[in-house]
Amino acid sequence: QDMLYPERPSEGKSRDEKASDQSKSGSGSLEHSRVLERACAMFLSGMRILKSTSGRTEAEVVAEAAPLFQAALPLLEAVRGPDHVETLLCVRDLAKCLAVQGKIEEAEPLARFALAGFERSLGAEDQDTLLCVDTLQRCLAAKGAFRGEPLLRLTL
């Protein structure tokens, strides 16, 4: 999967302003709106599943959430673009699910992509950026390749 992630200048804007700017950049067609609605519904369902563990194991929760993120991701990429905050959130959550499932080779590039995107759009100290650091650390630790110094320095 080859994804291009152009940088966007975002200096001086709050997180909400950046998300609003990104939302305005989409097409106004009815089909566009329907695809976006479907993508957001799947993504939000996946997020709700991750947050409501209710006695289930982490593995059970991510097994239910991962397919929703996998289905939402190509739609969000098509409608919002690969560097939109909603797309990056979906990528991050899918990477986390895959890491929990032990699919490290699939999870690591997604975690790296989401981390780079959040650093560009939200900055290195944003909560979503730091959650990507955690997911990437989990991937590297599972591979036995964790060299935590540069990643840990980012979280301090």
N, C-alpha and C. Protein backbone atom coordinates (compact mmCIF):
# COMPACT_ATOMS: atom_id res chain seq x y z
N GLN A 1 0.85 -1.17 0.00
CA GLN A 1 0.00 0.00 0.00
C GLN A 1 0.90 1.24 0.00
N ASP A 2 0.78 2.07 -1.04
CA ASP A 2 1.61 3.24 -1.18
C ASP A 2 0.78 4.47 -0.90
N MET A 3 1.09 5.16 0.19
CA MET A 3 0.32 6.35 0.56
C MET A 3 1.23 7.56 0.50
N LEU A 4 0.73 8.66 -0.06
CA LEU A 4 1.47 9.91 -0.06
C LEU A 4 0.88 10.81 1.00
N TYR A 5 1.73 11.46 1.74
CA TYR A 5 1.28 12.30 2.84
C TYR A 5 1.91 13.67 2.74
N PRO A 6 1.31 14.57 1.96
CA PRO A 6 1.89 15.90 1.83
C PRO A 6 1.75 16.68 3.12
N GLU A 7 2.76 17.50 3.38
CA GLU A 7 2.69 18.34 4.57
C GLU A 7 1.83 19.55 4.29
N ARG A 8 1.14 19.99 5.30
CA ARG A 8 0.33 21.20 5.20
C ARG A 8 0.83 22.20 6.23
N PRO A 9 1.01 23.44 5.84
CA PRO A 9 1.39 24.42 6.85
C PRO A 9 0.23 24.62 7.83
N SER A 10 0.54 24.57 9.12
CA SER A 10 -0.52 24.69 10.11
C SER A 10 -0.08 25.52 11.31
N GLU A 11 1.00 26.29 11.15
CA GLU A 11 1.49 27.09 12.25
C GLU A 11 0.44 28.08 12.72
N GLY A 12 0.35 28.28 14.01
CA GLY A 12 -0.49 29.31 14.57
C GLY A 12 -1.96 28.98 14.68
N LYS A 13 -2.39 27.81 14.29
CA LYS A 13 -3.81 27.47 14.38
C LYS A 13 -4.03 26.46 15.49
N SER A 14 -5.19 26.57 16.14
CA SER A 14 -5.54 25.60 17.16
C SER A 14 -5.94 24.29 16.50
N ARG A 15 -6.04 23.26 17.30
CA ARG A 15 -6.44 21.94 16.80
C ARG A 15 -7.83 22.01 16.16
N ASP A 16 -8.78 22.71 16.80
CA ASP A 16 -10.13 22.82 16.27
C ASP A 16 -10.14 23.58 14.95
N GLU A 17 -9.33 24.64 14.84
CA GLU A 17 -9.25 25.39 13.58
C GLU A 17 -8.70 24.53 12.45
N LYS A 18 -7.68 23.71 12.78
CA LYS A 18 -7.11 22.83 11.76
C LYS A 18 -8.13 21.82 11.28
N ALA A 19 -8.88 21.22 12.21
CA ALA A 19 -9.91 20.24 11.83
C ALA A 19 -11.00 20.91 11.01
N SER A 20 -11.38 22.13 11.38
CA SER A 20 -12.40 22.86 10.62
C SER A 20 -11.91 23.16 9.21
N ASP A 21 -10.66 23.60 9.08
CA ASP A 21 -10.09 23.86 7.76
C ASP A 21 -10.09 22.60 6.92
N GLN A 22 -9.73 21.47 7.54
CA GLN A 22 -9.71 20.22 6.80
C GLN A 22 -11.10 19.81 6.37
N SER A 23 -12.10 20.04 7.20
CA SER A 23 -13.47 19.68 6.86
C SER A 23 -13.99 20.50 5.69
N LYS A 24 -13.60 21.75 5.61
CA LYS A 24 -14.06 22.63 4.55
C LYS A 24 -13.45 22.28 3.20
N SER A 25 -12.34 21.52 3.21
CA SER A 25 -11.65 21.24 1.96
C SER A 25 -12.32 20.13 1.15
N GLY A 26 -13.32 19.44 1.70
CA GLY A 26 -13.96 18.33 1.00
C GLY A 26 -14.99 18.79 -0.01
N SER A 27 -15.40 17.89 -0.86
CA SER A 27 -16.42 18.17 -1.88
C SER A 27 -17.78 18.22 -1.21
N GLY A 28 -18.73 18.93 -1.83
CA GLY A 28 -20.04 19.06 -1.25
C GLY A 28 -21.06 18.11 -1.84
N SER A 29 -20.66 17.16 -2.66
CA SER A 29 -21.61 16.28 -3.31
C SER A 29 -22.32 15.36 -2.33
N LEU A 30 -23.51 14.93 -2.72
CA LEU A 30 -24.29 14.02 -1.89
C LEU A 30 -23.56 12.70 -1.70
N GLU A 31 -22.97 12.18 -2.76
CA GLU A 31 -22.22 10.92 -2.65
C GLU A 31 -21.06 11.07 -1.68
N HIS A 32 -20.35 12.16 -1.78
CA HIS A 32 -19.24 12.45 -0.88
C HIS A 32 -19.74 12.44 0.57
N SER A 33 -20.87 13.08 0.81
CA SER A 33 -21.44 13.14 2.16
C SER A 33 -21.84 11.76 2.66
N ARG A 34 -22.41 10.94 1.79
CA ARG A 34 -22.81 9.59 2.20
C ARG A 34 -21.61 8.72 2.54
N VAL A 35 -20.57 8.82 1.73
CA VAL A 35 -19.36 8.03 1.99
C VAL A 35 -18.74 8.48 3.32
N LEU A 36 -18.68 9.79 3.51
CA LEU A 36 -18.11 10.31 4.74
C LEU A 36 -18.94 9.88 5.95
N GLU A 37 -20.24 9.95 5.83
CA GLU A 37 -21.12 9.52 6.93
C GLU A 37 -20.89 8.05 7.27
N ARG A 38 -20.78 7.20 6.24
CA ARG A 38 -20.54 5.77 6.47
C ARG A 38 -19.18 5.55 7.12
N ALA A 39 -18.16 6.24 6.62
CA ALA A 39 -16.81 6.09 7.18
C ALA A 39 -16.78 6.52 8.63
N CYS A 40 -17.38 7.66 8.92
CA CYS A 40 -17.38 8.16 10.30
C CYS A 40 -18.17 7.24 11.23
N ALA A 41 -19.26 6.70 10.75
CA ALA A 41 -20.06 5.78 11.58
C ALA A 41 -19.25 4.54 11.94
N MET A 42 -18.52 3.98 10.97
CA MET A 42 -17.70 2.80 11.26
C MET A 42 -16.57 3.15 12.21
N PHE A 43 -15.92 4.28 11.95
CA PHE A 43 -14.81 4.71 12.79
C PHE A 43 -15.28 4.95 14.22
N LEU A 44 -16.38 5.66 14.38
CA LEU A 44 -16.89 5.94 15.73
C LEU A 44 -17.36 4.68 16.44
N SER A 45 -17.93 3.74 15.69
CA SER A 45 -18.31 2.45 16.29
C SER A 45 -17.08 1.73 16.81
N GLY A 46 -16.02 1.73 16.03
CA GLY A 46 -14.77 1.11 16.47
C GLY A 46 -14.22 1.77 17.72
N MET A 47 -14.28 3.10 17.76
CA MET A 47 -13.79 3.82 18.95
C MET A 47 -14.64 3.49 20.18
N ARG A 48 -15.97 3.42 19.99
CA ARG A 48 -16.85 3.07 21.13
C ARG A 48 -16.52 1.68 21.66
N ILE A 49 -16.26 0.76 20.75
CA ILE A 49 -15.92 -0.61 21.16
C ILE A 49 -14.63 -0.60 21.97
N LEU A 50 -13.63 0.15 21.52
CA LEU A 50 -12.36 0.21 22.25
C LEU A 50 -12.53 0.80 23.65
N LYS A 51 -13.46 1.72 23.80
CA LYS A 51 -13.65 2.39 25.09
C LYS A 51 -14.57 1.63 26.04
N SER A 52 -15.39 0.72 25.53
CA SER A 52 -16.34 0.01 26.39
C SER A 52 -15.96 -1.46 26.50
N THR A 53 -14.97 -1.73 27.31
CA THR A 53 -14.47 -3.09 27.44
C THR A 53 -15.46 -4.00 28.16
N SER A 54 -16.18 -3.51 29.12
CA SER A 54 -17.21 -4.22 29.90
C SER A 54 -16.94 -5.71 30.10
N GLY A 55 -15.86 -6.01 30.81
CA GLY A 55 -15.58 -7.38 31.18
C GLY A 55 -14.92 -8.23 30.11
N ARG A 56 -14.68 -7.69 28.95
CA ARG A 56 -14.04 -8.46 27.88
C ARG A 56 -12.54 -8.25 27.91
N THR A 57 -11.81 -9.19 27.35
CA THR A 57 -10.36 -9.05 27.27
C THR A 57 -10.00 -8.05 26.18
N GLU A 58 -8.79 -7.54 26.26
CA GLU A 58 -8.31 -6.61 25.24
C GLU A 58 -8.34 -7.26 23.86
N ALA A 59 -8.00 -8.53 23.79
CA ALA A 59 -8.00 -9.25 22.52
C ALA A 59 -9.40 -9.33 21.93
N GLU A 60 -10.41 -9.57 22.77
CA GLU A 60 -11.79 -9.63 22.29
C GLU A 60 -12.27 -8.27 21.78
N VAL A 61 -11.89 -7.23 22.49
CA VAL A 61 -12.30 -5.88 22.11
C VAL A 61 -11.70 -5.50 20.76
N VAL A 62 -10.39 -5.71 20.60
CA VAL A 62 -9.76 -5.30 19.34
C VAL A 62 -10.19 -6.20 18.18
N ALA A 63 -10.52 -7.45 18.46
CA ALA A 63 -11.01 -8.32 17.39
C ALA A 63 -12.32 -7.80 16.82
N GLU A 64 -13.12 -7.15 17.66
CA GLU A 64 -14.38 -6.58 17.19
C GLU A 64 -14.16 -5.21 16.53
N ALA A 65 -13.23 -4.42 17.05
CA ALA A 65 -13.02 -3.06 16.55
C ALA A 65 -12.19 -3.01 15.27
N ALA A 66 -11.20 -3.86 15.14
CA ALA A 66 -10.27 -3.79 14.00
C ALA A 66 -10.96 -3.81 12.64
N PRO A 67 -11.93 -4.69 12.40
CA PRO A 67 -12.59 -4.70 11.09
C PRO A 67 -13.30 -3.38 10.76
N LEU A 68 -13.81 -2.71 11.78
CA LEU A 68 -14.47 -1.41 11.56
C LEU A 68 -13.45 -0.36 11.12
N PHE A 69 -12.28 -0.35 11.76
CA PHE A 69 -11.24 0.59 11.37
C PHE A 69 -10.71 0.25 9.97
N GLN A 70 -10.56 -1.04 9.69
CA GLN A 70 -10.09 -1.44 8.36
C GLN A 70 -11.07 -1.03 7.27
N ALA A 71 -12.36 -1.10 7.54
CA ALA A 71 -13.36 -0.70 6.56
C ALA A 71 -13.45 0.82 6.43
N ALA A 72 -13.29 1.53 7.53
CA ALA A 72 -13.41 2.99 7.51
C ALA A 72 -12.19 3.66 6.88
N LEU A 73 -11.01 3.09 7.05
CA LEU A 73 -9.79 3.75 6.61
C LEU A 73 -9.76 4.13 5.13
N PRO A 74 -10.03 3.21 4.20
CA PRO A 74 -9.97 3.62 2.79
C PRO A 74 -11.02 4.68 2.44
N LEU A 75 -12.15 4.65 3.12
CA LEU A 75 -13.18 5.66 2.87
C LEU A 75 -12.72 7.03 3.37
N LEU A 76 -12.16 7.06 4.57
CA LEU A 76 -11.67 8.32 5.11
C LEU A 76 -10.53 8.87 4.26
N GLU A 77 -9.64 7.98 3.81
CA GLU A 77 -8.54 8.43 2.94
C GLU A 77 -9.08 9.04 1.65
N ALA A 78 -10.11 8.42 1.09
CA ALA A 78 -10.67 8.90 -0.17
C ALA A 78 -11.41 10.22 -0.01
N VAL A 79 -12.14 10.37 1.08
CA VAL A 79 -12.98 11.55 1.26
C VAL A 79 -12.24 12.68 1.98
N ARG A 80 -11.54 12.36 3.05
CA ARG A 80 -10.87 13.38 3.85
C ARG A 80 -9.43 13.61 3.41
N GLY A 81 -8.82 12.56 2.89
CA GLY A 81 -7.40 12.64 2.55
C GLY A 81 -6.57 11.94 3.61
N PRO A 82 -5.39 11.50 3.24
CA PRO A 82 -4.57 10.71 4.16
C PRO A 82 -4.00 11.49 5.33
N ASP A 83 -3.93 12.82 5.25
CA ASP A 83 -3.32 13.58 6.33
C ASP A 83 -4.35 14.31 7.20
N HIS A 84 -5.63 13.99 7.02
CA HIS A 84 -6.68 14.60 7.83
C HIS A 84 -6.66 13.96 9.22
N VAL A 85 -6.97 14.74 10.24
CA VAL A 85 -6.92 14.25 11.61
C VAL A 85 -7.81 13.02 11.82
N GLU A 86 -9.01 13.00 11.24
CA GLU A 86 -9.89 11.83 11.39
C GLU A 86 -9.26 10.59 10.77
N THR A 87 -8.62 10.75 9.62
CA THR A 87 -7.94 9.62 8.98
C THR A 87 -6.80 9.14 9.86
N LEU A 88 -6.03 10.07 10.40
CA LEU A 88 -4.90 9.71 11.26
C LEU A 88 -5.36 8.99 12.52
N LEU A 89 -6.49 9.43 13.08
CA LEU A 89 -7.04 8.74 14.26
C LEU A 89 -7.40 7.29 13.93
N CYS A 90 -7.99 7.10 12.76
CA CYS A 90 -8.36 5.75 12.32
C CYS A 90 -7.12 4.89 12.12
N VAL A 91 -6.10 5.46 11.49
CA VAL A 91 -4.84 4.73 11.28
C VAL A 91 -4.22 4.35 12.61
N ARG A 92 -4.19 5.30 13.54
CA ARG A 92 -3.61 5.03 14.86
C ARG A 92 -4.35 3.91 15.58
N ASP A 93 -5.69 3.98 15.56
CA ASP A 93 -6.46 2.96 16.26
C ASP A 93 -6.35 1.60 15.60
N LEU A 94 -6.28 1.58 14.27
CA LEU A 94 -6.07 0.31 13.57
C LEU A 94 -4.70 -0.26 13.92
N ALA A 95 -3.68 0.59 13.96
CA ALA A 95 -2.33 0.13 14.32
C ALA A 95 -2.33 -0.48 15.73
N LYS A 96 -3.03 0.17 16.65
CA LYS A 96 -3.11 -0.36 18.02
C LYS A 96 -3.78 -1.73 18.03
N CYS A 97 -4.89 -1.85 17.30
CA CYS A 97 -5.59 -3.14 17.24
C CYS A 97 -4.70 -4.23 16.67
N LEU A 98 -4.02 -3.91 15.58
CA LEU A 98 -3.14 -4.91 14.95
C LEU A 98 -1.99 -5.29 15.87
N ALA A 99 -1.45 -4.32 16.60
CA ALA A 99 -0.37 -4.62 17.54
C ALA A 99 -0.85 -5.56 18.64
N VAL A 100 -2.04 -5.30 19.18
CA VAL A 100 -2.60 -6.17 20.22
C VAL A 100 -2.82 -7.58 19.67
N GLN A 101 -3.20 -7.67 18.40
CA GLN A 101 -3.42 -8.98 17.78
C GLN A 101 -2.11 -9.67 17.40
N GLY A 102 -0.98 -9.01 17.63
CA GLY A 102 0.32 -9.60 17.30
C GLY A 102 0.71 -9.44 15.85
N LYS A 103 -0.01 -8.62 15.11
CA LYS A 103 0.29 -8.38 13.69
C LYS A 103 1.21 -7.17 13.57
N ILE A 104 2.39 -7.34 14.13
CA ILE A 104 3.34 -6.23 14.28
C ILE A 104 3.82 -5.71 12.93
N GLU A 105 4.04 -6.60 11.98
CA GLU A 105 4.53 -6.16 10.67
C GLU A 105 3.51 -5.27 9.95
N GLU A 106 2.24 -5.46 10.24
CA GLU A 106 1.20 -4.59 9.68
C GLU A 106 1.03 -3.33 10.52
N ALA A 107 1.17 -3.47 11.82
CA ALA A 107 0.92 -2.35 12.74
C ALA A 107 2.01 -1.29 12.70
N GLU A 108 3.26 -1.71 12.62
CA GLU A 108 4.36 -0.74 12.73
C GLU A 108 4.32 0.35 11.66
N PRO A 109 4.17 0.02 10.37
CA PRO A 109 4.14 1.11 9.39
C PRO A 109 2.95 2.05 9.58
N LEU A 110 1.84 1.51 10.02
CA LEU A 110 0.67 2.36 10.29
C LEU A 110 0.94 3.30 11.47
N ALA A 111 1.57 2.76 12.51
CA ALA A 111 1.90 3.58 13.68
C ALA A 111 2.89 4.68 13.29
N ARG A 112 3.87 4.33 12.47
CA ARG A 112 4.85 5.33 12.02
C ARG A 112 4.17 6.42 11.18
N PHE A 113 3.28 6.01 10.31
CA PHE A 113 2.56 6.97 9.47
C PHE A 113 1.72 7.91 10.31
N ALA A 114 0.94 7.34 11.25
CA ALA A 114 0.09 8.18 12.10
C ALA A 114 0.94 9.13 12.94
N LEU A 115 2.04 8.63 13.47
CA LEU A 115 2.92 9.48 14.28
C LEU A 115 3.44 10.65 13.46
N ALA A 116 3.93 10.38 12.26
CA ALA A 116 4.45 11.46 11.41
C ALA A 116 3.34 12.46 11.06
N GLY A 117 2.16 11.96 10.76
CA GLY A 117 1.05 12.84 10.42
C GLY A 117 0.62 13.71 11.59
N PHE A 118 0.52 13.12 12.77
CA PHE A 118 0.14 13.91 13.94
C PHE A 118 1.22 14.93 14.30
N GLU A 119 2.49 14.54 14.16
CA GLU A 119 3.57 15.50 14.44
C GLU A 119 3.46 16.70 13.51
N ARG A 120 3.18 16.44 12.22
CA ARG A 120 3.05 17.54 11.25
C ARG A 120 1.84 18.41 11.55
N SER A 121 0.71 17.79 11.82
CA SER A 121 -0.52 18.57 11.92
C SER A 121 -0.83 19.08 13.33
N LEU A 122 -0.45 18.34 14.36
CA LEU A 122 -0.82 18.72 15.73
C LEU A 122 0.37 19.04 16.62
N GLY A 123 1.56 18.65 16.20
CA GLY A 123 2.75 18.91 17.01
C GLY A 123 3.16 17.70 17.82
N ALA A 124 4.41 17.73 18.26
CA ALA A 124 5.01 16.59 18.96
C ALA A 124 4.45 16.36 20.36
N GLU A 125 3.84 17.37 20.95
CA GLU A 125 3.38 17.24 22.33
C GLU A 125 1.87 17.01 22.45
N ASP A 126 1.18 16.89 21.33
CA ASP A 126 -0.26 16.64 21.37
C ASP A 126 -0.55 15.24 21.90
N GLN A 127 -1.68 15.08 22.58
CA GLN A 127 -2.06 13.78 23.16
C GLN A 127 -2.14 12.69 22.10
N ASP A 128 -2.70 12.99 20.93
CA ASP A 128 -2.82 11.97 19.88
C ASP A 128 -1.44 11.57 19.34
N THR A 129 -0.53 12.52 19.26
CA THR A 129 0.83 12.21 18.85
C THR A 129 1.47 11.28 19.86
N LEU A 130 1.30 11.58 21.14
CA LEU A 130 1.92 10.76 22.18
C LEU A 130 1.30 9.36 22.24
N LEU A 131 0.02 9.23 21.94
CA LEU A 131 -0.60 7.90 21.88
C LEU A 131 0.00 7.09 20.73
N CYS A 132 0.37 7.75 19.64
CA CYS A 132 1.04 7.06 18.53
C CYS A 132 2.42 6.58 18.95
N VAL A 133 3.11 7.39 19.75
CA VAL A 133 4.41 6.99 20.27
C VAL A 133 4.26 5.70 21.07
N ASP A 134 3.23 5.64 21.90
CA ASP A 134 2.98 4.44 22.71
C ASP A 134 2.74 3.21 21.83
N THR A 135 1.94 3.38 20.78
CA THR A 135 1.66 2.26 19.87
C THR A 135 2.93 1.81 19.15
N LEU A 136 3.73 2.77 18.70
CA LEU A 136 4.98 2.43 18.02
C LEU A 136 5.94 1.73 18.98
N GLN A 137 6.02 2.21 20.21
CA GLN A 137 6.87 1.55 21.21
C GLN A 137 6.42 0.11 21.43
N ARG A 138 5.13 -0.10 21.46
CA ARG A 138 4.59 -1.46 21.63
C ARG A 138 5.03 -2.36 20.47
N CYS A 139 4.98 -1.82 19.25
CA CYS A 139 5.40 -2.59 18.07
C CYS A 139 6.89 -2.93 18.14
N LEU A 140 7.69 -1.93 18.45
CA LEU A 140 9.14 -2.15 18.50
C LEU A 140 9.52 -3.11 19.62
N ALA A 141 8.85 -3.01 20.75
CA ALA A 141 9.13 -3.92 21.86
C ALA A 141 8.77 -5.36 21.48
N ALA A 142 7.66 -5.53 20.77
CA ALA A 142 7.25 -6.87 20.35
C ALA A 142 8.25 -7.48 19.37
N LYS A 143 8.88 -6.64 18.58
CA LYS A 143 9.89 -7.13 17.63
C LYS A 143 11.25 -7.30 18.28
N GLY A 144 11.38 -6.86 19.53
CA GLY A 144 12.68 -6.91 20.19
C GLY A 144 13.61 -5.84 19.65
N ALA A 145 13.05 -4.84 19.01
CA ALA A 145 13.86 -3.80 18.38
C ALA A 145 13.67 -2.45 19.05
N PHE A 146 13.21 -2.46 20.27
CA PHE A 146 12.93 -1.19 20.94
C PHE A 146 14.22 -0.53 21.37
N ARG A 147 14.43 0.64 20.83
CA ARG A 147 15.53 1.50 21.25
C ARG A 147 14.84 2.77 21.75
N GLY A 148 14.36 2.73 22.97
CA GLY A 148 13.43 3.72 23.49
C GLY A 148 13.89 5.14 23.61
N GLU A 149 15.17 5.41 23.60
CA GLU A 149 15.62 6.77 23.88
C GLU A 149 14.96 7.85 23.02
N PRO A 150 14.98 7.78 21.68
CA PRO A 150 14.37 8.88 20.93
C PRO A 150 12.86 8.99 21.13
N LEU A 151 12.17 7.87 21.24
CA LEU A 151 10.73 7.90 21.44
C LEU A 151 10.37 8.39 22.84
N LEU A 152 11.11 7.93 23.84
CA LEU A 152 10.82 8.35 25.19
C LEU A 152 11.09 9.83 25.38
N ARG A 153 12.12 10.35 24.74
CA ARG A 153 12.43 11.75 24.84
C ARG A 153 11.27 12.59 24.32
N LEU A 154 10.59 12.09 23.31
CA LEU A 154 9.45 12.82 22.74
C LEU A 154 8.31 12.93 23.75
N THR A 155 8.13 11.93 24.59
CA THR A 155 7.01 11.93 25.52
C THR A 155 7.27 12.75 26.77
N LEU A 156 8.50 13.16 27.02
CA LEU A 156 8.80 13.91 28.24
C LEU A 156 8.44 15.36 28.15
